[in-house]
Structure formats: C-alpha cells, structure tokens
Amino acid sequence: MKGSFFRSMTWLHTWVGLLVCWLLYLIFFAGTISFFRDEVSLWNQPSVHNIEQQADRIGAQKQQIVSGVEYLNAQAPNAPNWRITLPEERIPYLTFGYAKPKEPGQRRAQFENTRLDPNNMQPLAPFVDTRGGNFFYRLHFDLHYIDVKTARWIVCFASLFMLIALISGIVIHKRIFKDMFVFRANKGSRSWLDVHNLSSVFALPFHLMITYTGIITLIFMIFPYPAQTVYEDGIRGFFNDVSPSSPATESLQGTAPLVPINTVLDQVYTKWPEADITRVIINKPNKAAATIMVLVSPGKTLRDQAPRLIFSGASGELVAQTDDELTGSKALYESLNSMHTGRLAEPLLRVLYFLGGIAGCIMIATGCIMWAKRIRERMKKNAQPSWGLKLVEALNLGTLMGLPLATSAFFLANRLISTRAMERADKEILAFFLTWLCVLIIAFVKRDKLQWCVMAAINSIACFSMPVVNALTTQGNIISYLRNEQWALFMFDSLFLLFGLLFLLQTEKLRTALQAKKSSPINTQEQKV
C-alpha cells in the first residue's frame, strides 16, 4: 500500500508538472522580471535617467499637487478625468495627465500626460512609446495576445497544477533536507535531478507562497459564491467595499467650481500627518458630481490596495474612504495579495523575491529537461524517439532558450527602433514574440545538442550586446551609472553581463561535450538534451 501510494504521487508529480511546465516557465519568468518592473520601465525611458531624487520628496508633495491642479485646470478644464501621479522612490518623475474624449469602440480613454522633473518643475523630453516593465507584468497573468478572461482562467488552472506538483513533490521527497547539499556532476539525468531538488528545496517556502497567493489573486474567478452571497451586487459589491467609490455624488447634475485643493489636502494631513501621497484622481472636474480621490502609499504594511479618501469636488466633504481597520477576511485577502505582488518589499527583500523567482525557473526547466533525458537514457539502441519525446524536446529548447533571447530582443528593440515610429510599443512586443517564434521553429526542425550550443552562444552575444547598445544610443553607460550611484541602471546592465557570462559558460560546456563525442571511437546514437 505504501509503495503504491508513493508511486501514485510520483506519477501525479511528473504529469501535473509536465503538462503545463512550459506555461509555468513563462509565468515564473515574466513574474520574476515583474518584481523590478519600475526599474525596467526606468531603463526603457532614457529621458528620466538623470533625474535626481528629491531631498524632501514627501514635503514637496502638497505644492506639486497644487501646481498640478492649476496646470490641468488651465489645459483641460472640461476633461472627464485628471490625474496627478507623484514621484516615488522607484519612480523619480512627476506626471500631470488628463483623459481625452473616447473614440468609437475605445474601451478606455487615452491620457495626455505631461511629465516633469520634480526638482525644478521643468517638462521632461517626450517619453518613448514603450510598455516597459508593465509588459512583463501583464504577460505574467494576461498572456498578451489571448482574451484577458480566458488567459486568467488558463493561468489559474496552471497555478493549481503547480500547487499540486509542489505538494506531491514534498510527499515523494524522502530526503528533502539532505538533498539540499547534494550535487553529482556529469551523471546524466541524475545531475539534472540534483539541480531540480536543490532549486526546489532551497526556495520551497517561496514557491509555496508565490503559487498559493497567485491563486488567491484570482480566487473570485474560481469561487465567486461567498461574495455573491454576502453582497447584493456580488463581486462588484465586494470590490467596491475594498476600494470604495463615491455613490453620494453620482446623481448630481450641472456645473460647479472645483473646491480649492488645499481644503482637501488639509483634511488628508489631519487624518494622516505623515501621509506619502502617491496619486490624486479628479473625476468630472468642474462638475457638481466631481470627486477628488487621494491615494496614499501603504508603506510596509501587508495591504495591497492603497488607502484612499474620496471627497466631493464641489464641497470638499469626505464622501468615502477605505477602512482604517480591516476585518479578518479583508486583512487576509489583502495581505496574501500584497505578498504575491511584493509591493511592500524593500530593495533587499525584492532581491530575495527575484532570486526565488530564478530558483522557480530553474526548478521548472530542470524538470522539463530531466523527463526527456530519462526517456532518452532508457531507449534501446537505434530506437526511434516517440512523437511525445520530440515534442517535449522541441518545447524545451524553444521555451528555455527562446524566452531569454526574446527578452534581449525586447530591450534591444527599445533602443534601436526609432522614437518616431508609429505604434512603437507594439513593435517592441512584436520583436519579443517573433524572436521566440523563430527559436521555436528551429527547435521543431532540429533540437540536438548542437542547437542548444548555438542558442546558448546567440543568447550570450545578445546579453553582452545590451550594455554596448545602451551606451551607444544613450548618454549613460555602466561606468557612469556606477560613478553616479544610479544603482537600478547599473544593476540592469550588470545582470545582462552576468547572464551573458553564464550563457558563455554553457556554450563552452556544450561545445566541449560535442568535441568529446566527435573524437570518441564509438559512434553512439545522437544524444539530445
């Protein structure tokens, strides 16, 4: 009975992992980059690279908001929405934006944004059209080209498979602590199993946390019934409770001057004297139904939704706000969401999140490769591989080597595509997917060890070229970043150099193995990774 149970768990672990492993690799890969999405967006916008951090960022916020309201009232008094986005530690610039009228068939209004250096309140050079880190963030759960709702269902079920794989892996892992310190090199599939175990066990708490909380972020897609039972209008009512709206002013008609913004800010600072305001959103400005929403950074608290106060734009009266003290269920939901996104994380914790994400990518990748290696090792001489094995090997090469190369292509496109190009952001994303598609096509044509060696070499060249292209197309480089203590930009270029070195080492190892095989007097069957 015991042996049968462990065999069943091993079978379950293998197949729930293998069936979605390439999708999980994409999710983990994009999600890992997303922990630094603000830094990625910063790198993608050279015009903000030289903005210095304000000496008293929070102290300057009140005057910046006053200036923003004056500017927007002069530029777009009849716009349906104004937004003032204040500088943060990871976002150094100030943004004044207003919504333009919707065009037919348009789901959301486009915004006209003016971005300023908060130190001198001077407009910055026009931004290049790019999604930056938000591309990887949305790719992580929206899969880009797929319908959003469909994509989230797919990601949700893949996450459930991942959770089952983790739990069944723990059950079958009899030497879970001992294997943290075991690695046997040059032992075929045994070596891949050791790396799989190391990456799994070393970051196991992170894997469990990030997978479970990922499911929680989409929990109301799977279990909408509690919210539908408690709230009259179901899910919408729940989210309105978590992020309050302002029904008190919606029925008001006509025009009315906007209340002086200082009247609102004085109430905010009375309630939260040390408030770090992140955004001010003014809906229907200069209308009787106008509202002024002030969002405040949650800081290091386990809270995903920013605390907010909503005021009547005509009278300055407080009409809605988030709860100061969350109920047990709300606190649990908010904290789990916050843990998944890592928005609370200081730089060191964010680095640990990033390393945990890399460990997750290694865990998934080694699991994919190990399955194919084991099947190859069990094959008889001159036996033809099954179509299933060919498919797995092609997806392994196409995904595990294609995604890093596609990422390099995305960033190279950001530097090389003309700033005046139409739909420039879409072209960057197209470069990502076309590069990935090319690697997949190559992998389905041929996927032996030589192809892995070639792809590793191409990845190495792409990674090494990134700091060079950046230096040639902008006014900064890795040396100036170090000298000026621009740590985000310095680490960005440094990581590409590091991964370029790792791909170079992989290329050399594969090349050595190929040479050893050619010089061998026995012509064995072609080995594949």
Protein backbone atom coordinates (compact mmCIF):
# COMPACT_ATOMS: atom_id res chain seq x y z
CA MET A 1 0.00 0.00 0.00
CA LYS A 2 2.83 2.38 0.93
CA GLY A 3 4.71 1.64 -2.28
CA SER A 4 1.56 2.07 -4.33
CA PHE A 5 0.89 5.44 -2.67
CA PHE A 6 4.37 6.76 -3.41
CA ARG A 7 4.21 5.50 -7.00
CA SER A 8 0.88 7.28 -7.42
CA MET A 9 2.32 10.51 -6.00
CA THR A 10 5.37 10.22 -8.27
CA TRP A 11 3.14 9.72 -11.30
CA LEU A 12 0.98 12.69 -10.23
CA HIS A 13 4.04 14.91 -9.65
CA THR A 14 5.50 14.04 -13.04
CA TRP A 15 2.43 14.57 -15.15
CA VAL A 16 0.84 17.62 -13.50
CA GLY A 17 4.24 19.27 -13.81
CA LEU A 18 4.99 18.18 -17.37
CA LEU A 19 1.59 19.07 -18.85
CA VAL A 20 1.92 22.79 -18.03
CA CYS A 21 5.64 23.22 -17.35
CA TRP A 22 6.35 25.48 -20.35
CA LEU A 23 3.43 27.74 -19.49
CA LEU A 24 4.57 27.79 -15.86
CA TYR A 25 8.07 28.69 -17.02
CA LEU A 26 6.64 31.69 -18.91
CA ILE A 27 4.59 32.72 -15.87
CA PHE A 28 7.55 32.43 -13.50
CA PHE A 29 9.93 34.08 -15.99
CA ALA A 30 7.72 37.12 -16.62
CA GLY A 31 6.68 37.32 -12.97
CA THR A 32 10.31 37.32 -11.82
CA ILE A 33 11.12 40.28 -14.08
CA SER A 34 7.95 42.00 -12.81
CA PHE A 35 9.39 42.32 -9.30
CA PHE A 36 11.53 45.07 -10.84
CA ARG A 37 9.00 46.41 -13.32
CA ASP A 38 9.51 50.03 -12.19
CA GLU A 39 13.26 49.68 -12.74
CA VAL A 40 12.67 48.08 -16.16
CA SER A 41 10.36 50.96 -17.10
CA LEU A 42 13.00 53.41 -15.89
CA TRP A 43 15.67 51.78 -18.11
CA ASN A 44 13.29 51.90 -21.08
CA GLN A 45 12.93 55.70 -20.73
CA PRO A 46 16.34 57.36 -21.19
CA SER A 47 14.87 60.85 -20.67
CA VAL A 48 14.42 60.19 -16.93
CA HIS A 49 17.80 58.58 -16.25
CA ASN A 50 19.42 61.72 -14.90
CA ILE A 51 16.65 62.89 -12.57
CA GLU A 52 17.98 63.22 -9.03
CA GLN A 53 16.00 62.03 -6.05
CA GLN A 54 14.37 64.90 -4.14
CA ALA A 55 15.90 65.78 -0.80
CA ASP A 56 12.42 66.08 0.79
CA ARG A 57 10.14 64.15 -1.52
CA ILE A 58 7.15 63.91 0.83
CA GLY A 59 7.45 67.51 1.98
CA ALA A 60 7.21 68.73 -1.63
CA GLN A 61 4.04 66.82 -2.43
CA LYS A 62 1.49 69.44 -1.37
CA GLN A 63 2.90 72.14 -3.64
CA GLN A 64 3.22 69.65 -6.51
CA ILE A 65 -0.47 68.76 -6.19
CA VAL A 66 -1.48 72.44 -6.10
CA SER A 67 0.62 73.11 -9.21
CA GLY A 68 -0.90 70.06 -10.92
CA VAL A 69 -4.47 71.16 -10.34
CA GLU A 70 -3.69 74.67 -11.63
CA TYR A 71 -1.99 73.24 -14.72
CA LEU A 72 -4.78 70.80 -15.55
CA ASN A 73 -7.49 73.40 -14.96
CA ALA A 74 -5.76 75.65 -17.47
CA GLN A 75 -5.04 72.90 -20.04
CA ALA A 76 -8.18 70.75 -19.92
CA PRO A 77 -10.96 72.24 -17.74
CA ASN A 78 -13.62 70.06 -19.41
CA ALA A 79 -11.71 66.76 -19.45
CA PRO A 80 -13.59 63.85 -17.84
CA ASN A 81 -10.66 62.92 -15.61
CA TRP A 82 -7.45 64.44 -14.21
CA ARG A 83 -4.60 62.53 -12.66
CA ILE A 84 -1.60 63.76 -10.72
CA THR A 85 0.96 60.99 -10.16
CA LEU A 86 3.63 61.97 -7.65
CA PRO A 87 7.26 60.82 -7.61
CA GLU A 88 8.09 57.73 -5.57
CA GLU A 89 11.37 56.14 -4.54
CA ARG A 90 11.38 53.97 -7.67
CA ILE A 91 9.59 56.44 -9.99
CA PRO A 92 11.50 59.74 -9.98
CA TYR A 93 9.29 61.95 -12.16
CA LEU A 94 6.02 63.86 -11.69
CA THR A 95 3.07 63.38 -14.06
CA PHE A 96 0.10 65.63 -14.80
CA GLY A 97 -2.43 63.89 -17.04
CA TYR A 98 -5.93 64.35 -18.38
CA ALA A 99 -8.23 61.96 -20.23
CA LYS A 100 -9.03 62.69 -23.86
CA PRO A 101 -12.55 62.00 -25.21
CA LYS A 102 -13.12 58.35 -26.07
CA GLU A 103 -13.14 57.38 -29.71
CA PRO A 104 -15.81 54.97 -31.08
CA GLY A 105 -15.13 51.41 -29.95
CA GLN A 106 -12.48 52.50 -27.47
CA ARG A 107 -12.69 50.68 -24.13
CA ARG A 108 -10.66 53.18 -22.10
CA ALA A 109 -9.87 56.82 -22.64
CA GLN A 110 -6.35 57.74 -23.70
CA PHE A 111 -4.43 60.13 -21.45
CA GLU A 112 -2.41 63.18 -22.44
CA ASN A 113 0.47 63.23 -19.97
CA THR A 114 2.97 65.94 -19.12
CA ARG A 115 5.96 64.65 -17.17
CA LEU A 116 8.17 66.95 -15.15
CA ASP A 117 11.40 66.90 -13.20
CA PRO A 118 10.14 67.42 -9.63
CA ASN A 119 13.33 69.25 -8.65
CA ASN A 120 12.78 72.20 -10.98
CA MET A 121 9.22 71.55 -12.29
CA GLN A 122 10.50 71.68 -15.88
CA PRO A 123 8.91 69.41 -18.52
CA LEU A 124 10.97 66.37 -19.50
CA ALA A 125 11.81 65.34 -23.03
CA PRO A 126 8.98 63.37 -24.67
CA PHE A 127 8.83 59.76 -23.50
CA VAL A 128 9.35 56.97 -25.98
CA ASP A 129 6.31 54.80 -26.61
CA THR A 130 7.02 51.63 -24.63
CA ARG A 131 5.27 49.30 -22.19
CA GLY A 132 8.46 48.83 -20.19
CA GLY A 133 8.13 46.57 -17.16
CA ASN A 134 4.34 46.62 -17.43
CA PHE A 135 4.62 44.33 -20.47
CA PHE A 136 6.15 41.55 -18.38
CA TYR A 137 3.75 42.25 -15.52
CA ARG A 138 0.69 41.84 -17.76
CA LEU A 139 2.24 38.93 -19.66
CA HIS A 140 2.62 37.15 -16.32
CA PHE A 141 -1.15 36.68 -15.99
CA ASP A 142 -2.79 38.01 -19.18
CA LEU A 143 -0.57 36.17 -21.74
CA HIS A 144 -0.84 39.24 -24.01
CA TYR A 145 -2.49 38.01 -27.23
CA ILE A 146 -5.16 35.91 -25.52
CA ASP A 147 -8.51 37.25 -24.34
CA VAL A 148 -7.97 38.54 -20.79
CA LYS A 149 -10.64 36.43 -19.12
CA THR A 150 -9.58 33.28 -20.97
CA ALA A 151 -5.91 33.94 -20.17
CA ARG A 152 -6.61 34.31 -16.46
CA TRP A 153 -8.54 31.06 -16.38
CA ILE A 154 -5.59 29.34 -18.07
CA VAL A 155 -3.11 30.88 -15.61
CA CYS A 156 -5.37 29.96 -12.70
CA PHE A 157 -5.53 26.29 -13.67
CA ALA A 158 -1.79 26.21 -14.38
CA SER A 159 -1.22 27.59 -10.85
CA LEU A 160 -3.43 24.87 -9.40
CA PHE A 161 -1.34 22.27 -11.26
CA MET A 162 1.80 23.92 -9.87
CA LEU A 163 0.47 23.72 -6.32
CA ILE A 164 -0.36 20.03 -6.78
CA ALA A 165 3.12 19.42 -8.19
CA LEU A 166 4.73 21.14 -5.19
CA ILE A 167 2.69 19.21 -2.63
CA SER A 168 3.18 15.85 -4.35
CA GLY A 169 6.90 16.67 -4.70
CA ILE A 170 7.16 17.19 -0.94
CA VAL A 171 5.35 13.91 -0.31
CA ILE A 172 7.68 11.84 -2.51
CA HIS A 173 10.85 13.62 -1.41
CA LYS A 174 12.14 11.32 1.30
CA ARG A 175 15.46 13.14 1.78
CA ILE A 176 14.26 16.68 1.41
CA PHE A 177 16.87 18.29 3.70
CA LYS A 178 19.79 16.05 2.78
CA ASP A 179 19.28 16.77 -0.93
CA MET A 180 19.79 20.49 -0.31
CA PHE A 181 23.52 19.74 -0.15
CA VAL A 182 23.85 17.02 -2.81
CA PHE A 183 25.01 17.57 -6.38
CA ARG A 184 26.56 14.89 -8.57
CA ALA A 185 28.13 16.36 -11.70
CA ASN A 186 28.29 14.62 -15.09
CA LYS A 187 25.81 11.89 -14.10
CA GLY A 188 23.20 12.39 -16.82
CA SER A 189 19.63 12.65 -15.59
CA ARG A 190 20.89 12.17 -12.03
CA SER A 191 22.67 15.53 -12.21
CA TRP A 192 19.52 17.20 -13.54
CA LEU A 193 17.54 15.65 -10.68
CA ASP A 194 20.03 17.05 -8.16
CA VAL A 195 19.70 20.56 -9.61
CA HIS A 196 15.91 20.13 -9.64
CA ASN A 197 15.97 19.14 -5.98
CA LEU A 198 18.34 21.94 -4.99
CA SER A 199 16.30 24.67 -6.67
CA SER A 200 13.05 23.17 -5.33
CA VAL A 201 14.05 22.67 -1.70
CA PHE A 202 16.23 25.76 -1.36
CA ALA A 203 13.33 28.11 -2.24
CA LEU A 204 10.44 25.83 -1.24
CA PRO A 205 8.76 28.36 1.12
CA PHE A 206 8.86 30.96 -1.65
CA HIS A 207 7.47 28.51 -4.24
CA LEU A 208 4.57 27.57 -1.98
CA MET A 209 3.87 31.19 -1.05
CA ILE A 210 4.02 32.62 -4.56
CA THR A 211 1.92 29.80 -6.06
CA TYR A 212 -0.79 29.84 -3.38
CA THR A 213 -1.04 33.65 -3.26
CA GLY A 214 -1.13 33.70 -7.07
CA ILE A 215 -4.24 31.55 -6.92
CA ILE A 216 -5.69 33.88 -4.26
CA THR A 217 -5.33 36.88 -6.59
CA LEU A 218 -7.74 35.08 -8.96
CA ILE A 219 -9.78 33.35 -6.27
CA PHE A 220 -13.06 35.08 -7.19
CA MET A 221 -12.89 33.55 -10.65
CA ILE A 222 -12.94 30.10 -9.07
CA PHE A 223 -15.08 30.74 -6.00
CA PRO A 224 -17.35 33.76 -6.58
CA TYR A 225 -20.11 32.35 -4.37
CA PRO A 226 -19.16 33.83 -0.95
CA ALA A 227 -19.10 37.38 -2.36
CA GLN A 228 -22.31 36.73 -4.32
CA THR A 229 -23.96 35.56 -1.10
CA VAL A 230 -22.84 38.42 1.15
CA TYR A 231 -23.22 41.36 -1.29
CA GLU A 232 -26.38 42.23 -3.18
CA ASP A 233 -24.43 43.07 -6.34
CA GLY A 234 -21.97 40.21 -5.94
CA ILE A 235 -18.31 40.57 -6.88
CA ARG A 236 -18.74 44.23 -7.82
CA GLY A 237 -20.05 44.98 -4.34
CA PHE A 238 -17.10 43.23 -2.73
CA PHE A 239 -14.55 45.20 -4.72
CA ASN A 240 -16.43 48.46 -4.13
CA ASP A 241 -16.16 47.68 -0.42
CA VAL A 242 -12.43 47.05 -0.67
CA SER A 243 -11.85 50.03 -3.00
CA PRO A 244 -14.71 52.43 -2.20
CA SER A 245 -16.35 54.55 -4.88
CA SER A 246 -18.46 57.68 -4.37
CA PRO A 247 -22.16 56.98 -5.00
CA ALA A 248 -23.14 60.08 -2.96
CA THR A 249 -22.21 62.46 -5.78
CA GLU A 250 -23.08 60.44 -8.88
CA SER A 251 -26.65 61.72 -9.21
CA LEU A 252 -25.73 65.42 -9.03
CA GLN A 253 -26.15 67.43 -12.23
CA GLY A 254 -24.79 70.68 -13.58
CA THR A 255 -21.51 72.52 -13.18
CA ALA A 256 -19.74 73.72 -10.06
CA PRO A 257 -16.27 75.15 -9.48
CA LEU A 258 -13.73 72.79 -8.02
CA VAL A 259 -13.11 73.31 -4.33
CA PRO A 260 -9.60 74.67 -3.54
CA ILE A 261 -7.35 71.62 -3.39
CA ASN A 262 -5.80 72.81 -0.14
CA THR A 263 -9.17 72.27 1.55
CA VAL A 264 -8.94 68.59 0.66
CA LEU A 265 -5.25 68.22 1.45
CA ASP A 266 -5.70 69.77 4.90
CA GLN A 267 -8.22 67.01 5.71
CA VAL A 268 -5.84 64.34 4.39
CA TYR A 269 -2.95 65.58 6.52
CA THR A 270 -5.23 65.92 9.55
CA LYS A 271 -6.11 62.24 9.27
CA TRP A 272 -2.64 61.06 8.15
CA PRO A 273 0.01 63.63 9.24
CA GLU A 274 2.83 61.61 7.68
CA ALA A 275 0.95 60.71 4.50
CA ASP A 276 3.02 59.70 1.48
CA ILE A 277 0.57 60.58 -1.29
CA THR A 278 1.06 58.61 -4.48
CA ARG A 279 -1.76 59.87 -6.69
CA VAL A 280 -4.64 62.34 -6.85
CA ILE A 281 -7.50 61.45 -9.23
CA ILE A 282 -10.17 64.04 -10.00
CA ASN A 283 -13.22 62.71 -11.81
CA LYS A 284 -15.62 65.08 -13.61
CA PRO A 285 -13.70 68.23 -12.64
CA ASN A 286 -15.74 71.45 -12.51
CA LYS A 287 -18.97 69.47 -12.32
CA ALA A 288 -21.38 69.17 -9.39
CA ALA A 289 -20.69 65.39 -9.39
CA ALA A 290 -16.91 65.87 -9.22
CA THR A 291 -14.88 63.72 -6.84
CA ILE A 292 -11.30 64.03 -5.63
CA MET A 293 -9.63 60.74 -4.71
CA VAL A 294 -6.37 60.86 -2.75
CA LEU A 295 -4.34 57.63 -2.65
CA VAL A 296 -1.65 57.12 -0.02
CA SER A 297 1.19 54.61 -0.04
CA PRO A 298 0.51 51.64 2.29
CA GLY A 299 4.23 51.59 3.08
CA LYS A 300 5.48 48.33 4.54
CA THR A 301 2.05 47.13 5.65
CA LEU A 302 0.60 43.92 4.24
CA ARG A 303 -2.04 45.77 2.28
CA ASP A 304 -2.43 45.54 -1.47
CA GLN A 305 -4.99 48.29 -2.03
CA ALA A 306 -3.67 51.77 -1.31
CA PRO A 307 -5.57 53.56 1.50
CA ARG A 308 -7.70 56.30 -0.01
CA LEU A 309 -10.01 59.18 0.83
CA ILE A 310 -12.69 60.41 -1.59
CA PHE A 311 -14.07 63.95 -1.36
CA SER A 312 -16.81 65.83 -3.14
CA GLY A 313 -15.13 68.07 -5.69
CA ALA A 314 -17.77 70.77 -5.24
CA SER A 315 -17.95 70.96 -1.43
CA GLY A 316 -14.74 69.29 -0.20
CA GLU A 317 -16.79 66.96 2.01
CA LEU A 318 -15.44 63.45 2.67
CA VAL A 319 -17.84 61.01 0.96
CA ALA A 320 -15.99 57.65 1.08
CA GLN A 321 -12.82 56.07 2.43
CA THR A 322 -11.11 52.75 2.94
CA ASP A 323 -11.41 51.10 6.33
CA ASP A 324 -8.77 52.04 8.87
CA GLU A 325 -9.08 48.63 10.50
CA LEU A 326 -9.75 45.72 8.15
CA THR A 327 -11.92 42.78 9.11
CA GLY A 328 -10.18 39.42 9.45
CA SER A 329 -11.22 38.23 5.99
CA LYS A 330 -10.28 41.50 4.28
CA ALA A 331 -6.94 41.60 6.09
CA LEU A 332 -6.19 38.03 4.98
CA TYR A 333 -7.13 38.72 1.37
CA GLU A 334 -5.17 41.98 1.25
CA SER A 335 -2.08 40.51 2.90
CA LEU A 336 -1.96 37.49 0.57
CA ASN A 337 -2.28 39.75 -2.47
CA SER A 338 0.43 42.02 -1.12
CA MET A 339 2.76 39.09 -0.50
CA HIS A 340 2.32 37.91 -4.10
CA THR A 341 2.98 41.27 -5.75
CA GLY A 342 5.85 42.15 -3.43
CA ARG A 343 4.86 45.83 -3.47
CA LEU A 344 5.72 46.06 0.22
CA ALA A 345 9.28 44.85 -0.40
CA GLU A 346 12.31 46.98 0.37
CA PRO A 347 15.30 46.55 -2.00
CA LEU A 348 16.84 43.57 -0.16
CA LEU A 349 13.53 41.70 0.08
CA ARG A 350 12.84 42.45 -3.57
CA VAL A 351 16.18 40.91 -4.48
CA LEU A 352 15.20 37.81 -2.48
CA TYR A 353 11.91 37.69 -4.39
CA PHE A 354 13.90 37.89 -7.62
CA LEU A 355 16.26 35.08 -6.56
CA GLY A 356 13.27 32.97 -5.54
CA GLY A 357 11.76 33.54 -8.98
CA ILE A 358 15.01 32.46 -10.66
CA ALA A 359 15.04 29.33 -8.47
CA GLY A 360 11.49 28.64 -9.65
CA CYS A 361 12.55 28.98 -13.29
CA ILE A 362 15.46 26.57 -12.69
CA MET A 363 13.17 24.12 -10.92
CA ILE A 364 10.71 24.07 -13.84
CA ALA A 365 13.42 23.99 -16.51
CA THR A 366 15.33 21.10 -14.93
CA GLY A 367 12.10 19.15 -14.50
CA CYS A 368 11.38 19.52 -18.24
CA ILE A 369 14.89 18.51 -19.26
CA MET A 370 15.12 15.65 -16.75
CA TRP A 371 12.00 13.96 -18.15
CA ALA A 372 13.42 13.99 -21.69
CA LYS A 373 16.86 12.84 -20.51
CA ARG A 374 15.42 9.86 -18.66
CA ILE A 375 13.39 8.74 -21.65
CA ARG A 376 16.49 9.04 -23.86
CA GLU A 377 18.60 7.01 -21.43
CA ARG A 378 16.03 4.21 -21.35
CA MET A 379 15.74 3.95 -25.14
CA LYS A 380 17.28 0.96 -26.86
CA LYS A 381 20.00 1.41 -29.47
CA ASN A 382 18.70 2.54 -32.86
CA ALA A 383 15.19 3.02 -31.43
CA GLN A 384 13.25 5.94 -32.88
CA PRO A 385 12.03 8.56 -30.39
CA SER A 386 8.29 8.90 -29.97
CA TRP A 387 6.43 11.99 -31.13
CA GLY A 388 5.84 12.87 -27.47
CA LEU A 389 9.57 12.91 -26.74
CA LYS A 390 10.22 15.01 -29.85
CA LEU A 391 7.53 17.47 -28.76
CA VAL A 392 8.95 17.77 -25.24
CA GLU A 393 12.50 18.28 -26.54
CA ALA A 394 11.35 20.90 -29.03
CA LEU A 395 9.38 22.80 -26.40
CA ASN A 396 12.32 22.57 -24.01
CA LEU A 397 14.73 24.16 -26.48
CA GLY A 398 12.19 26.63 -27.86
CA THR A 399 10.98 27.86 -24.47
CA LEU A 400 14.01 27.58 -22.17
CA MET A 401 16.36 29.21 -24.68
CA GLY A 402 13.77 31.20 -26.61
CA LEU A 403 12.36 33.28 -23.75
CA PRO A 404 15.74 34.74 -22.65
CA LEU A 405 16.59 35.58 -26.26
CA ALA A 406 13.16 37.13 -26.79
CA THR A 407 13.69 39.27 -23.68
CA SER A 408 17.00 40.53 -25.05
CA ALA A 409 15.24 41.29 -28.35
CA PHE A 410 12.59 43.31 -26.49
CA PHE A 411 15.20 45.52 -24.83
CA LEU A 412 17.34 45.83 -27.95
CA ALA A 413 14.23 46.91 -29.86
CA ASN A 414 13.63 49.56 -27.22
CA ARG A 415 17.00 51.11 -28.02
CA LEU A 416 17.07 50.56 -31.80
CA ILE A 417 13.52 51.31 -33.01
CA SER A 418 13.09 54.95 -33.99
CA THR A 419 11.40 57.10 -31.35
CA ARG A 420 9.13 58.46 -34.10
CA ALA A 421 7.88 55.03 -35.21
CA MET A 422 4.12 54.52 -35.19
CA GLU A 423 2.82 52.04 -32.58
CA ARG A 424 6.34 51.74 -31.29
CA ALA A 425 5.42 49.87 -28.08
CA ASP A 426 3.65 47.19 -30.11
CA LYS A 427 6.75 46.80 -32.28
CA GLU A 428 8.89 46.13 -29.20
CA ILE A 429 6.44 43.44 -28.11
CA LEU A 430 6.33 42.04 -31.64
CA ALA A 431 10.13 41.73 -31.55
CA PHE A 432 9.77 39.67 -28.37
CA PHE A 433 7.25 37.21 -29.80
CA LEU A 434 8.80 36.94 -33.26
CA THR A 435 12.17 36.07 -31.72
CA TRP A 436 10.55 33.44 -29.51
CA LEU A 437 8.64 32.06 -32.51
CA CYS A 438 11.85 31.77 -34.57
CA VAL A 439 13.55 29.77 -31.81
CA LEU A 440 10.50 27.50 -31.54
CA ILE A 441 10.52 26.85 -35.28
CA ILE A 442 14.23 26.00 -35.20
CA ALA A 443 13.62 23.69 -32.22
CA PHE A 444 10.89 21.77 -34.06
CA VAL A 445 13.19 21.33 -37.07
CA LYS A 446 16.28 20.28 -35.11
CA ARG A 447 16.89 20.09 -31.38
CA ASP A 448 20.11 18.20 -30.74
CA LYS A 449 22.97 19.29 -28.51
CA LEU A 450 24.45 21.39 -31.34
CA GLN A 451 21.28 23.50 -31.45
CA TRP A 452 21.47 24.04 -27.68
CA CYS A 453 25.08 25.13 -28.11
CA VAL A 454 24.19 27.55 -30.92
CA MET A 455 21.28 29.04 -28.99
CA ALA A 456 23.40 29.44 -25.87
CA ALA A 457 26.02 31.29 -27.95
CA ILE A 458 23.37 33.56 -29.50
CA ASN A 459 21.92 34.30 -26.05
CA SER A 460 25.40 35.13 -24.79
CA ILE A 461 26.02 37.55 -27.66
CA ALA A 462 22.61 39.17 -27.15
CA CYS A 463 23.21 39.67 -23.42
CA PHE A 464 26.72 41.07 -23.89
CA SER A 465 25.49 43.43 -26.60
CA MET A 466 22.86 45.02 -24.35
CA PRO A 467 25.18 47.32 -22.30
CA VAL A 468 27.08 48.17 -25.51
CA VAL A 469 23.96 49.16 -27.45
CA ASN A 470 22.70 51.10 -24.42
CA ALA A 471 25.98 53.05 -24.22
CA LEU A 472 25.88 53.84 -27.94
CA THR A 473 22.26 55.02 -28.01
CA THR A 474 22.00 56.95 -24.71
CA GLN A 475 24.15 59.34 -22.73
CA GLY A 476 24.86 56.78 -19.99
CA ASN A 477 26.77 53.55 -19.61
CA ILE A 478 27.58 51.03 -16.92
CA ILE A 479 30.63 53.02 -15.75
CA SER A 480 28.75 56.33 -15.48
CA TYR A 481 25.92 54.57 -13.66
CA LEU A 482 28.40 53.27 -11.09
CA ARG A 483 30.09 56.64 -10.77
CA ASN A 484 26.78 58.50 -10.33
CA GLU A 485 25.34 55.83 -7.99
CA GLN A 486 22.45 55.07 -10.35
CA TRP A 487 22.09 51.62 -8.88
CA ALA A 488 18.96 50.50 -10.75
CA LEU A 489 20.54 51.23 -14.14
CA PHE A 490 23.89 49.80 -13.06
CA MET A 491 22.30 46.54 -11.89
CA PHE A 492 20.30 46.27 -15.10
CA ASP A 493 23.42 46.32 -17.29
CA SER A 494 25.34 44.18 -14.77
CA LEU A 495 22.69 41.46 -14.85
CA PHE A 496 22.90 41.26 -18.62
CA LEU A 497 26.68 40.89 -18.37
CA LEU A 498 26.24 38.19 -15.72
CA PHE A 499 23.73 36.21 -17.79
CA GLY A 500 25.91 36.69 -20.86
CA LEU A 501 28.75 35.07 -18.93
CA LEU A 502 26.51 32.20 -17.80
CA PHE A 503 25.37 31.55 -21.37
CA LEU A 504 29.01 31.68 -22.48
CA LEU A 505 29.92 29.03 -19.90
CA GLN A 506 27.01 26.91 -21.11
CA THR A 507 28.21 27.30 -24.70
CA GLU A 508 31.72 26.19 -23.77
CA LYS A 509 30.44 23.19 -21.81
CA LEU A 510 28.22 22.04 -24.67
CA ARG A 511 31.00 22.63 -27.22
CA THR A 512 33.40 20.53 -25.15
CA ALA A 513 30.84 17.73 -24.93
CA LEU A 514 30.29 17.83 -28.70
CA GLN A 515 34.03 17.66 -29.38
CA ALA A 516 34.40 14.74 -26.98
CA LYS A 517 31.60 12.93 -28.78
CA LYS A 518 33.19 13.50 -32.21
CA SER A 519 36.57 12.26 -31.04
CA SER A 520 35.07 9.12 -29.46
CA PRO A 521 35.90 5.94 -31.45
CA ILE A 522 32.41 4.58 -30.88
CA ASN A 523 29.70 6.27 -32.85
CA THR A 524 26.79 6.15 -30.41
CA GLN A 525 23.31 7.37 -31.17
CA GLU A 526 22.80 11.11 -31.22
CA GLN A 527 22.34 12.48 -27.71
CA LYS A 528 19.80 15.11 -27.14
CA VAL A 529 19.23 17.46 -24.24
